[in-house]
Amino acid sequence: MYVIVILAMIAGFLALRLYSVLGKRTGHEQEPALRPAEDRAKVTVLQPRPATEMAGDSVRLADGLIAPGAEMGVRALIAADRSFDVPQFVDGAKSAYRMVLEAFWRGDRDELAWLCDEDVRASFEDAIAAREAEGHVLDNRLVRIEKAQIVEASVDGRIAQVALRFEADIAAVTRDKDGNVVAGSMTDAVGTNDIWTFTRDIRSADPNWKLSETDEA
């Protein structure tokens, strides 16, 4: 009898400790804010799943996000970088696509320097300078991204590269210094097909990918 009472007291004590550590989820709590990149990079995963298992799972979950010819490259990338998640990467690439285009349209050189590598940034800056010299202003709008799909992936040492095909609709208008329309129309969106390549050092603590190449599909 005394043994049962003692065991019950121990169980109660452990339950209270567990509650104090984990708390109680009701479904109405505010989601925690994301930590800065430098803090997230310090987090390590204990007992990670084998890389081959992760590669298979991630590729299966990414149905439609990977072109058939890119599957082997994606598997190699996942094996080299366990943190690489295909759906999350494609969502981030779509956001980067919008951010780069909008920064270029408004001539934001600082934003482009953060998003692009030196060669791509230089190309964008040359185009911005030529546009400014003519007194032209772009009044463009990304209407929608119809499709974003990985078409190529590779790892060379510590450098990973992923190329995506973007199919999007863009409403484009060019105005002169007086605001008059020189070309384009905001009512007629134009379909675009681009292949953008993003690069990252997978051993770096910086989780950000940079745009390293742009081509028309």
Foldseek 3Di string as FASTA:
>chain_A
DVVVVVVVVVVVVVVVVVCVVPPDDDPPDDDDDDDDLLVVLPDDDPPDDQLQVLLVVQVVVCVPQADPVASVQSSVVCNVFVPDHRVVVQVVVVVLVQQCVVCLQQVPLVSQPVAAPDVVSVVSNVVSVVCVVQQKHKPKDFPDWPDKHWYHWHDDPQKIKTKIKTWTWMFIFMAHNVRHTPDTGNVHTDIFIKIWMWMDRSPDSRPDIHTYDIDGD
